[in-house]
């Protein structure tokens, strides 16, 4: 999926999962606040909060992680 595809509006499962992981990692690894993410993405603040929780669950359940230098 292209970077543009991740931030396009819509509820296609693959896009929702990718956007959730983006929100989770941006919030936890980069320290970008949820309010800031809601301004940058086509999501309101409660949707970003849900996405962060969903991303954390996806990362944990599927073993996804960010590796430095990749």
N, C-alpha and C. Protein backbone atom coordinates (compact mmCIF):
# COMPACT_ATOMS: atom_id res chain seq x y z
N UNK A 1 0.85 -1.16 0.00
CA UNK A 1 0.00 0.00 0.00
C UNK A 1 0.90 1.24 0.00
N UNK A 2 0.51 2.21 -0.80
CA UNK A 2 1.29 3.44 -0.88
C UNK A 2 1.06 4.30 0.37
N UNK A 3 2.00 5.20 0.68
CA UNK A 3 1.78 6.10 1.81
C UNK A 3 0.49 6.92 1.66
N UNK A 4 0.20 7.31 0.44
CA UNK A 4 -1.03 8.08 0.21
C UNK A 4 -2.26 7.23 0.51
N UNK A 5 -2.17 5.94 0.17
CA UNK A 5 -3.29 5.03 0.41
C UNK A 5 -3.61 4.86 1.88
N UNK A 6 -2.59 4.95 2.72
CA UNK A 6 -2.80 4.79 4.16
C UNK A 6 -3.63 5.94 4.72
N UNK A 7 -3.40 7.13 4.23
CA UNK A 7 -4.09 8.29 4.81
C UNK A 7 -5.38 8.67 4.08
N UNK A 8 -5.71 7.95 3.00
CA UNK A 8 -6.99 8.21 2.34
C UNK A 8 -8.13 7.82 3.26
N UNK A 9 -9.24 8.57 3.20
CA UNK A 9 -10.39 8.18 4.02
C UNK A 9 -10.96 6.85 3.55
N UNK A 10 -11.59 6.16 4.45
CA UNK A 10 -12.24 4.91 4.08
C UNK A 10 -12.07 3.87 5.16
N UNK A 11 -12.90 2.83 5.06
CA UNK A 11 -12.90 1.79 6.08
C UNK A 11 -12.55 0.42 5.52
N UNK A 12 -11.75 0.40 4.47
CA UNK A 12 -11.27 -0.87 3.93
C UNK A 12 -10.34 -1.47 4.99
N UNK A 13 -10.53 -2.74 5.30
CA UNK A 13 -9.81 -3.37 6.41
C UNK A 13 -8.30 -3.15 6.35
N UNK A 14 -7.69 -3.38 5.20
CA UNK A 14 -6.24 -3.24 5.06
C UNK A 14 -5.81 -1.80 5.37
N UNK A 15 -6.58 -0.83 4.89
CA UNK A 15 -6.27 0.58 5.12
C UNK A 15 -6.43 0.92 6.60
N UNK A 16 -7.49 0.44 7.22
CA UNK A 16 -7.73 0.70 8.64
C UNK A 16 -6.60 0.14 9.49
N UNK A 17 -6.17 -1.08 9.17
CA UNK A 17 -5.08 -1.69 9.93
C UNK A 17 -3.77 -0.92 9.75
N UNK A 18 -3.47 -0.54 8.52
CA UNK A 18 -2.24 0.23 8.25
C UNK A 18 -2.28 1.58 8.96
N UNK A 19 -3.42 2.25 8.91
CA UNK A 19 -3.57 3.55 9.56
C UNK A 19 -3.47 3.39 11.08
N UNK A 20 -4.01 2.30 11.61
CA UNK A 20 -3.93 2.05 13.05
C UNK A 20 -2.49 1.86 13.50
N UNK A 21 -1.73 1.09 12.73
CA UNK A 21 -0.32 0.90 13.06
C UNK A 21 0.44 2.21 12.95
N UNK A 22 0.13 3.00 11.93
CA UNK A 22 0.76 4.32 11.78
C UNK A 22 0.48 5.18 13.01
N UNK A 23 -0.77 5.24 13.42
CA UNK A 23 -1.14 6.05 14.60
C UNK A 23 -0.44 5.54 15.86
N UNK A 24 -0.43 4.24 16.03
CA UNK A 24 0.22 3.66 17.21
C UNK A 24 1.70 3.99 17.26
N UNK A 25 2.42 3.73 16.17
CA UNK A 25 3.85 3.99 16.17
C UNK A 25 4.17 5.48 16.20
N UNK A 26 3.40 6.29 15.51
CA UNK A 26 3.64 7.74 15.55
C UNK A 26 3.46 8.27 16.97
N UNK A 27 2.47 7.75 17.66
CA UNK A 27 2.20 8.21 19.02
C UNK A 27 3.23 7.68 20.02
N UNK A 28 3.51 6.39 19.96
CA UNK A 28 4.38 5.79 20.98
C UNK A 28 5.87 5.92 20.67
N UNK A 29 6.25 5.76 19.42
CA UNK A 29 7.67 5.78 19.06
C UNK A 29 8.18 7.18 18.74
N UNK A 30 7.33 7.99 18.11
CA UNK A 30 7.76 9.34 17.71
C UNK A 30 7.27 10.42 18.66
N UNK A 31 6.35 10.07 19.54
CA UNK A 31 5.85 11.03 20.51
C UNK A 31 4.90 12.07 19.93
N UNK A 32 4.30 11.77 18.79
CA UNK A 32 3.34 12.71 18.20
C UNK A 32 2.01 12.53 18.92
N UNK A 33 1.48 13.62 19.43
CA UNK A 33 0.24 13.57 20.19
C UNK A 33 -0.95 13.19 19.32
N UNK A 34 -1.95 12.65 19.97
CA UNK A 34 -3.15 12.23 19.25
C UNK A 34 -3.87 13.41 18.62
N UNK A 35 -3.88 14.55 19.28
CA UNK A 35 -4.52 15.73 18.69
C UNK A 35 -3.79 16.15 17.41
N UNK A 36 -2.47 16.10 17.43
CA UNK A 36 -1.68 16.43 16.24
C UNK A 36 -1.97 15.44 15.12
N UNK A 37 -2.05 14.16 15.45
CA UNK A 37 -2.37 13.16 14.44
C UNK A 37 -3.73 13.40 13.82
N UNK A 38 -4.68 13.84 14.64
CA UNK A 38 -6.03 14.09 14.10
C UNK A 38 -6.03 15.25 13.12
N UNK A 39 -5.09 16.18 13.28
CA UNK A 39 -4.98 17.30 12.33
C UNK A 39 -4.31 16.86 11.03
N UNK A 40 -3.43 15.87 11.12
CA UNK A 40 -2.67 15.43 9.95
C UNK A 40 -3.36 14.33 9.15
N UNK A 41 -4.26 13.61 9.79
CA UNK A 41 -4.94 12.49 9.15
C UNK A 41 -6.43 12.79 9.02
N UNK A 42 -7.12 12.04 8.14
CA UNK A 42 -8.56 12.27 7.99
C UNK A 42 -9.36 11.59 9.11
N UNK A 43 -8.96 11.86 10.36
CA UNK A 43 -9.61 11.25 11.52
C UNK A 43 -9.83 12.31 12.59
N UNK A 44 -10.92 12.17 13.34
CA UNK A 44 -11.09 13.06 14.49
C UNK A 44 -10.34 12.46 15.68
N UNK A 45 -10.23 13.20 16.76
CA UNK A 45 -9.40 12.77 17.89
C UNK A 45 -9.88 11.45 18.50
N UNK A 46 -11.19 11.23 18.71
CA UNK A 46 -11.60 9.92 19.24
C UNK A 46 -11.24 8.77 18.30
N UNK A 47 -11.30 8.99 17.00
CA UNK A 47 -10.94 7.95 16.04
C UNK A 47 -9.44 7.65 16.11
N UNK A 48 -8.63 8.67 16.33
CA UNK A 48 -7.18 8.46 16.49
C UNK A 48 -6.92 7.64 17.76
N UNK A 49 -7.60 7.96 18.83
CA UNK A 49 -7.45 7.22 20.07
C UNK A 49 -7.78 5.74 19.88
N UNK A 50 -8.87 5.48 19.19
CA UNK A 50 -9.24 4.09 18.88
C UNK A 50 -8.20 3.44 17.99
N UNK A 51 -7.68 4.18 17.02
CA UNK A 51 -6.67 3.64 16.10
C UNK A 51 -5.39 3.28 16.85
N UNK A 52 -4.99 4.11 17.80
CA UNK A 52 -3.79 3.82 18.60
C UNK A 52 -3.98 2.52 19.37
N UNK A 53 -5.13 2.35 19.99
CA UNK A 53 -5.40 1.11 20.74
C UNK A 53 -5.43 -0.10 19.80
N UNK A 54 -6.08 0.06 18.65
CA UNK A 54 -6.16 -1.02 17.67
C UNK A 54 -4.76 -1.36 17.13
N UNK A 55 -3.96 -0.33 16.87
CA UNK A 55 -2.59 -0.55 16.39
C UNK A 55 -1.74 -1.28 17.40
N UNK A 56 -1.88 -0.94 18.67
CA UNK A 56 -1.13 -1.63 19.73
C UNK A 56 -1.50 -3.10 19.77
N UNK A 57 -2.80 -3.38 19.64
CA UNK A 57 -3.26 -4.77 19.65
C UNK A 57 -2.73 -5.52 18.42
N UNK A 58 -2.81 -4.90 17.25
CA UNK A 58 -2.31 -5.54 16.02
C UNK A 58 -0.82 -5.83 16.13
N UNK A 59 -0.06 -4.87 16.59
CA UNK A 59 1.40 -5.04 16.71
C UNK A 59 1.72 -6.19 17.68
N UNK A 60 1.01 -6.22 18.79
CA UNK A 60 1.25 -7.27 19.79
C UNK A 60 0.85 -8.64 19.25
N UNK A 61 -0.35 -8.76 18.70
CA UNK A 61 -0.87 -10.05 18.25
C UNK A 61 -0.10 -10.61 17.05
N UNK A 62 0.34 -9.73 16.16
CA UNK A 62 1.00 -10.19 14.93
C UNK A 62 2.52 -10.08 14.98
N UNK A 63 3.04 -9.57 16.08
CA UNK A 63 4.48 -9.47 16.23
C UNK A 63 5.13 -8.39 15.37
N UNK A 64 4.36 -7.38 15.01
CA UNK A 64 4.91 -6.28 14.21
C UNK A 64 5.75 -5.38 15.11
N UNK A 65 6.86 -4.91 14.56
CA UNK A 65 7.69 -3.95 15.29
C UNK A 65 8.48 -3.10 14.30
N UNK A 66 8.95 -2.00 14.78
CA UNK A 66 9.79 -1.13 13.97
C UNK A 66 11.24 -1.46 14.32
N UNK A 67 12.03 -1.71 13.28
CA UNK A 67 13.43 -1.98 13.51
C UNK A 67 14.25 -0.76 13.09
N UNK A 68 15.12 -0.28 13.98
CA UNK A 68 15.94 0.88 13.64
C UNK A 68 16.78 0.65 12.39
N UNK A 69 16.88 1.68 11.58
CA UNK A 69 17.70 1.62 10.40
C UNK A 69 17.10 0.91 9.21
N UNK A 70 15.84 0.54 9.30
CA UNK A 70 15.21 -0.18 8.17
C UNK A 70 14.30 0.75 7.41
